[in-house]
Each structure stands twice: as C-alpha cells, then as structure tokens.
Amino acid sequence: MLTSTTPTVEGNPIQKYLGVISSEVIVWANVVKDFFASFTDFFWWRSGSYETALIDAKDEAMRELVTKAKKLGADAIVGIDIDYEAIGKGKWSMFMVSFSGTAVKLTKQIS
C-alpha cells in the first residue's frame, strides 16, 4: 500500500476518497527505562530504550492505519500526519503515537 504525507500521488489521480482514518498506540515507559534514561539524560547520551519504544509504537500505529485502509478497499493513504504525545508523569508516564490520513482509491492500481 502506498502511504504518503502529501495530499496527492504524483502521476496518479485520486479516483475516490474513502474517508479519514486514524490509529493510536500507547506504550508505557516503565520504571527501569525511566531509571536508565535519567542517566542518559544527565550525561547527554541518547536514550536507546525510549527510542526503541517510540519506534515500535510508530511501526505498530502505521500497520494499524494500513490495515484500516485495506478494509475500506483503499490503494493508498494520503495526507498522513504523525503525532507524538507524552501522557502522565514519573512512573506512570506513557507515550502515545497517533497517525491520521485519508484512505483513497487511485485511478491506476499500485503494485
């Protein structure tokens, strides 16, 4: 499935708009990650545990978005927007990754 942050697909006009779709994934940033992240923040290193959690959440949210588009019979998703949000504080902190876009049917089939 073609996915794009742009509102159109160059060289392939949109035949039909199937609707706005979205997906959200929330991951808990556990106490162990928080503890080690505090050291990485203190020493100005990158926090690999947080980066991995965010990447996994982003990938899962994108898979969910594509699944929703396929159920609508879409060939592509255009106008994709990605948002990241921190929810809560301390040991109860979580990350939310949300995607939204428009499922579309293209004039030409994309393989």
N, C-alpha and C. Protein backbone atom coordinates (compact mmCIF):
# COMPACT_ATOMS: atom_id res chain seq x y z
N MET A 1 0.84 -1.18 0.00
CA MET A 1 0.00 0.00 0.00
C MET A 1 0.88 1.23 0.00
N LEU A 2 0.54 2.17 -0.85
CA LEU A 2 1.27 3.43 -0.93
C LEU A 2 0.83 4.32 0.22
N THR A 3 1.79 4.88 0.92
CA THR A 3 1.49 5.82 2.01
C THR A 3 2.28 7.09 1.76
N SER A 4 1.64 8.23 2.04
CA SER A 4 2.31 9.50 1.75
C SER A 4 1.83 10.60 2.69
N THR A 5 2.74 11.49 3.02
CA THR A 5 2.36 12.67 3.80
C THR A 5 1.81 13.76 2.89
N THR A 6 1.97 13.60 1.59
CA THR A 6 1.47 14.60 0.63
C THR A 6 -0.02 14.35 0.36
N PRO A 7 -0.75 15.36 -0.09
CA PRO A 7 -2.19 15.20 -0.32
C PRO A 7 -2.54 14.52 -1.64
N THR A 8 -1.54 14.31 -2.50
CA THR A 8 -1.78 13.69 -3.81
C THR A 8 -0.69 12.67 -4.09
N VAL A 9 -0.92 11.87 -5.13
CA VAL A 9 0.08 10.92 -5.61
C VAL A 9 0.46 11.37 -7.01
N GLU A 10 1.68 11.80 -7.17
CA GLU A 10 2.13 12.33 -8.46
C GLU A 10 1.92 11.31 -9.57
N GLY A 11 1.28 11.75 -10.65
CA GLY A 11 1.07 10.90 -11.81
C GLY A 11 -0.05 9.89 -11.66
N ASN A 12 -0.79 9.95 -10.56
CA ASN A 12 -1.87 9.00 -10.34
C ASN A 12 -3.01 9.69 -9.60
N PRO A 13 -3.95 10.24 -10.35
CA PRO A 13 -5.05 10.98 -9.72
C PRO A 13 -5.87 10.11 -8.77
N ILE A 14 -6.43 10.76 -7.78
CA ILE A 14 -7.31 10.07 -6.84
C ILE A 14 -8.69 9.94 -7.48
N GLN A 15 -9.17 8.71 -7.52
CA GLN A 15 -10.47 8.41 -8.12
C GLN A 15 -11.59 8.61 -7.10
N LYS A 16 -11.33 8.20 -5.84
CA LYS A 16 -12.37 8.27 -4.82
C LYS A 16 -11.74 8.41 -3.44
N TYR A 17 -12.31 9.29 -2.64
CA TYR A 17 -11.90 9.44 -1.23
C TYR A 17 -12.77 8.51 -0.40
N LEU A 18 -12.12 7.65 0.37
CA LEU A 18 -12.85 6.65 1.15
C LEU A 18 -13.05 7.05 2.60
N GLY A 19 -12.37 8.10 3.03
CA GLY A 19 -12.58 8.59 4.39
C GLY A 19 -11.30 8.79 5.17
N VAL A 20 -11.43 9.57 6.21
CA VAL A 20 -10.32 9.81 7.13
C VAL A 20 -10.20 8.62 8.07
N ILE A 21 -8.97 8.16 8.24
CA ILE A 21 -8.71 7.04 9.15
C ILE A 21 -7.64 7.46 10.15
N SER A 22 -7.62 6.79 11.29
CA SER A 22 -6.61 7.10 12.30
C SER A 22 -6.26 5.86 13.10
N SER A 23 -5.13 5.92 13.76
CA SER A 23 -4.71 4.85 14.66
C SER A 23 -3.91 5.47 15.79
N GLU A 24 -4.02 4.87 16.94
CA GLU A 24 -3.29 5.34 18.11
C GLU A 24 -2.68 4.14 18.83
N VAL A 25 -1.45 4.32 19.28
CA VAL A 25 -0.78 3.30 20.07
C VAL A 25 -0.20 3.99 21.30
N ILE A 26 -0.48 3.43 22.47
CA ILE A 26 0.06 3.97 23.71
C ILE A 26 0.97 2.92 24.33
N VAL A 27 2.17 3.35 24.67
CA VAL A 27 3.13 2.44 25.31
C VAL A 27 3.54 3.02 26.65
N TRP A 28 3.71 2.14 27.61
CA TRP A 28 4.11 2.52 28.94
C TRP A 28 5.61 2.62 29.00
N ALA A 29 6.12 3.72 29.54
CA ALA A 29 7.56 3.88 29.74
C ALA A 29 7.84 3.40 31.17
N ASN A 30 8.31 2.16 31.29
CA ASN A 30 8.40 1.57 32.63
C ASN A 30 9.51 2.17 33.49
N VAL A 31 9.48 1.83 34.75
CA VAL A 31 10.38 2.40 35.75
C VAL A 31 11.84 2.11 35.41
N VAL A 32 12.14 0.91 34.92
CA VAL A 32 13.53 0.57 34.58
C VAL A 32 14.03 1.48 33.46
N LYS A 33 13.20 1.66 32.43
CA LYS A 33 13.59 2.56 31.34
C LYS A 33 13.78 3.97 31.87
N ASP A 34 12.87 4.42 32.75
CA ASP A 34 12.98 5.76 33.33
C ASP A 34 14.29 5.92 34.09
N PHE A 35 14.65 4.89 34.85
CA PHE A 35 15.88 4.94 35.65
C PHE A 35 17.10 5.09 34.76
N PHE A 36 17.21 4.24 33.74
CA PHE A 36 18.37 4.31 32.85
C PHE A 36 18.32 5.56 31.96
N ALA A 37 17.13 5.98 31.59
CA ALA A 37 17.01 7.19 30.79
C ALA A 37 17.48 8.41 31.57
N SER A 38 17.29 8.41 32.89
CA SER A 38 17.74 9.55 33.68
C SER A 38 19.26 9.68 33.61
N PHE A 39 19.98 8.56 33.56
CA PHE A 39 21.43 8.61 33.41
C PHE A 39 21.82 9.12 32.03
N THR A 40 21.12 8.64 31.00
CA THR A 40 21.46 9.08 29.64
C THR A 40 21.17 10.56 29.47
N ASP A 41 20.07 11.03 30.09
CA ASP A 41 19.75 12.46 30.03
C ASP A 41 20.80 13.27 30.77
N PHE A 42 21.24 12.79 31.91
CA PHE A 42 22.22 13.51 32.73
C PHE A 42 23.55 13.65 31.98
N PHE A 43 23.95 12.59 31.30
CA PHE A 43 25.24 12.60 30.59
C PHE A 43 25.10 13.00 29.12
N TRP A 44 23.91 13.42 28.72
CA TRP A 44 23.63 13.90 27.35
C TRP A 44 23.77 12.79 26.31
N TRP A 45 23.52 11.56 26.67
CA TRP A 45 23.52 10.46 25.72
C TRP A 45 22.10 10.25 25.24
N ARG A 46 21.98 9.57 24.14
CA ARG A 46 20.65 9.22 23.64
C ARG A 46 20.10 8.05 24.44
N SER A 47 18.81 8.08 24.65
CA SER A 47 18.15 7.01 25.40
C SER A 47 17.64 5.95 24.43
N GLY A 48 18.42 4.89 24.28
CA GLY A 48 18.06 3.81 23.36
C GLY A 48 16.76 3.12 23.73
N SER A 49 16.48 2.98 25.02
CA SER A 49 15.26 2.29 25.43
C SER A 49 14.02 3.09 25.03
N TYR A 50 14.07 4.41 25.21
CA TYR A 50 12.94 5.24 24.80
C TYR A 50 12.82 5.28 23.28
N GLU A 51 13.95 5.38 22.59
CA GLU A 51 13.90 5.41 21.13
C GLU A 51 13.29 4.13 20.58
N THR A 52 13.67 2.99 21.14
CA THR A 52 13.13 1.71 20.69
C THR A 52 11.63 1.65 20.95
N ALA A 53 11.20 2.11 22.12
CA ALA A 53 9.76 2.11 22.44
C ALA A 53 8.99 2.99 21.46
N LEU A 54 9.53 4.15 21.14
CA LEU A 54 8.85 5.04 20.20
C LEU A 54 8.81 4.47 18.79
N ILE A 55 9.90 3.88 18.36
CA ILE A 55 9.95 3.27 17.02
C ILE A 55 8.95 2.13 16.92
N ASP A 56 8.90 1.28 17.96
CA ASP A 56 7.94 0.16 17.96
C ASP A 56 6.50 0.67 17.93
N ALA A 57 6.22 1.72 18.71
CA ALA A 57 4.87 2.28 18.73
C ALA A 57 4.52 2.89 17.38
N LYS A 58 5.47 3.59 16.77
CA LYS A 58 5.24 4.20 15.45
C LYS A 58 4.95 3.13 14.41
N ASP A 59 5.75 2.07 14.41
CA ASP A 59 5.56 0.99 13.44
C ASP A 59 4.19 0.31 13.62
N GLU A 60 3.80 0.08 14.86
CA GLU A 60 2.51 -0.55 15.14
C GLU A 60 1.35 0.35 14.71
N ALA A 61 1.46 1.63 14.98
CA ALA A 61 0.40 2.57 14.58
C ALA A 61 0.28 2.63 13.06
N MET A 62 1.40 2.59 12.36
CA MET A 62 1.36 2.61 10.89
C MET A 62 0.74 1.33 10.34
N ARG A 63 1.10 0.18 10.92
CA ARG A 63 0.49 -1.09 10.49
C ARG A 63 -1.03 -1.05 10.69
N GLU A 64 -1.46 -0.50 11.82
CA GLU A 64 -2.89 -0.41 12.10
C GLU A 64 -3.59 0.51 11.10
N LEU A 65 -2.95 1.62 10.74
CA LEU A 65 -3.51 2.55 9.76
C LEU A 65 -3.68 1.86 8.40
N VAL A 66 -2.67 1.13 7.96
CA VAL A 66 -2.71 0.42 6.68
C VAL A 66 -3.81 -0.64 6.71
N THR A 67 -3.94 -1.35 7.82
CA THR A 67 -4.98 -2.37 7.95
C THR A 67 -6.37 -1.76 7.79
N LYS A 68 -6.59 -0.60 8.42
CA LYS A 68 -7.88 0.08 8.30
C LYS A 68 -8.14 0.52 6.86
N ALA A 69 -7.11 1.00 6.18
CA ALA A 69 -7.26 1.44 4.79
C ALA A 69 -7.59 0.25 3.88
N LYS A 70 -6.95 -0.87 4.10
CA LYS A 70 -7.21 -2.07 3.29
C LYS A 70 -8.65 -2.54 3.47
N LYS A 71 -9.17 -2.45 4.70
CA LYS A 71 -10.55 -2.86 4.95
C LYS A 71 -11.55 -1.99 4.19
N LEU A 72 -11.15 -0.76 3.88
CA LEU A 72 -12.01 0.14 3.10
C LEU A 72 -11.82 -0.04 1.60
N GLY A 73 -10.85 -0.89 1.20
CA GLY A 73 -10.57 -1.11 -0.21
C GLY A 73 -9.66 -0.06 -0.82
N ALA A 74 -8.89 0.62 0.00
CA ALA A 74 -8.01 1.70 -0.47
C ALA A 74 -6.78 1.17 -1.19
N ASP A 75 -6.27 1.97 -2.12
CA ASP A 75 -5.00 1.71 -2.78
C ASP A 75 -3.87 2.47 -2.11
N ALA A 76 -4.24 3.56 -1.42
CA ALA A 76 -3.22 4.42 -0.83
C ALA A 76 -3.80 5.19 0.35
N ILE A 77 -2.90 5.74 1.15
CA ILE A 77 -3.27 6.66 2.23
C ILE A 77 -2.49 7.94 1.97
N VAL A 78 -3.19 9.05 1.85
CA VAL A 78 -2.53 10.33 1.59
C VAL A 78 -2.75 11.28 2.77
N GLY A 79 -1.91 12.31 2.82
CA GLY A 79 -2.04 13.32 3.86
C GLY A 79 -1.77 12.79 5.25
N ILE A 80 -0.88 11.82 5.37
CA ILE A 80 -0.61 11.22 6.67
C ILE A 80 0.05 12.25 7.60
N ASP A 81 -0.48 12.30 8.82
CA ASP A 81 0.06 13.15 9.87
C ASP A 81 0.43 12.25 11.05
N ILE A 82 1.60 12.49 11.63
CA ILE A 82 2.09 11.70 12.75
C ILE A 82 2.24 12.62 13.95
N ASP A 83 1.70 12.21 15.09
CA ASP A 83 1.84 12.98 16.32
C ASP A 83 2.37 12.09 17.44
N TYR A 84 3.23 12.68 18.26
CA TYR A 84 3.76 12.02 19.45
C TYR A 84 3.33 12.81 20.67
N GLU A 85 2.96 12.13 21.73
CA GLU A 85 2.50 12.82 22.93
C GLU A 85 2.97 12.05 24.16
N ALA A 86 3.43 12.77 25.16
CA ALA A 86 3.76 12.17 26.46
C ALA A 86 2.52 12.31 27.34
N ILE A 87 2.16 11.22 28.00
CA ILE A 87 0.98 11.21 28.86
C ILE A 87 1.43 10.80 30.26
N GLY A 88 1.00 11.54 31.26
CA GLY A 88 1.34 11.20 32.64
C GLY A 88 2.73 11.68 33.02
N LYS A 89 3.10 11.34 34.27
CA LYS A 89 4.40 11.76 34.79
C LYS A 89 5.01 10.64 35.62
N GLY A 90 6.33 10.68 35.72
CA GLY A 90 7.04 9.74 36.58
C GLY A 90 6.84 8.30 36.18
N LYS A 91 6.60 7.45 37.19
CA LYS A 91 6.49 6.02 36.92
C LYS A 91 5.23 5.66 36.14
N TRP A 92 4.29 6.60 36.01
CA TRP A 92 3.07 6.35 35.26
C TRP A 92 3.11 6.97 33.86
N SER A 93 4.28 7.38 33.42
CA SER A 93 4.37 8.04 32.12
C SER A 93 4.16 7.04 30.97
N MET A 94 3.52 7.53 29.94
CA MET A 94 3.27 6.74 28.74
C MET A 94 3.53 7.62 27.52
N PHE A 95 3.72 6.97 26.39
CA PHE A 95 3.87 7.66 25.12
C PHE A 95 2.71 7.27 24.22
N MET A 96 2.19 8.24 23.50
CA MET A 96 1.16 7.94 22.52
C MET A 96 1.66 8.38 21.16
N VAL A 97 1.50 7.50 20.20
CA VAL A 97 1.81 7.81 18.81
C VAL A 97 0.49 7.69 18.05
N SER A 98 0.13 8.74 17.33
CA SER A 98 -1.11 8.68 16.56
C SER A 98 -0.84 9.07 15.11
N PHE A 99 -1.51 8.37 14.22
CA PHE A 99 -1.43 8.61 12.79
C PHE A 99 -2.84 8.94 12.31
N SER A 100 -2.93 9.82 11.34
CA SER A 100 -4.20 10.03 10.65
C SER A 100 -3.89 10.28 9.18
N GLY A 101 -4.83 9.98 8.34
CA GLY A 101 -4.66 10.17 6.91
C GLY A 101 -5.98 9.91 6.20
N THR A 102 -5.96 10.05 4.90
CA THR A 102 -7.15 9.82 4.10
C THR A 102 -6.94 8.59 3.22
N ALA A 103 -7.83 7.61 3.37
CA ALA A 103 -7.80 6.41 2.54
C ALA A 103 -8.39 6.78 1.18
N VAL A 104 -7.70 6.40 0.11
CA VAL A 104 -8.15 6.76 -1.23
C VAL A 104 -8.06 5.57 -2.20
N LYS A 105 -8.87 5.66 -3.23
CA LYS A 105 -8.81 4.74 -4.36
C LYS A 105 -8.16 5.54 -5.49
N LEU A 106 -7.10 5.00 -6.08
CA LEU A 106 -6.38 5.68 -7.15
C LEU A 106 -6.93 5.26 -8.51
N THR A 107 -6.67 6.10 -9.50
CA THR A 107 -7.09 5.81 -10.87
C THR A 107 -6.37 4.57 -11.40
N LYS A 108 -5.06 4.49 -11.15
CA LYS A 108 -4.25 3.34 -11.56
C LYS A 108 -3.93 2.49 -10.33
N GLN A 109 -3.90 1.19 -10.52
CA GLN A 109 -3.55 0.30 -9.43
C GLN A 109 -2.04 0.40 -9.15
N ILE A 110 -1.67 0.43 -7.90
CA ILE A 110 -0.26 0.44 -7.48
C ILE A 110 0.07 -0.95 -7.00
N SER A 111 1.17 -1.50 -7.48
CA SER A 111 1.56 -2.83 -7.02
C SER A 111 2.68 -2.78 -6.03
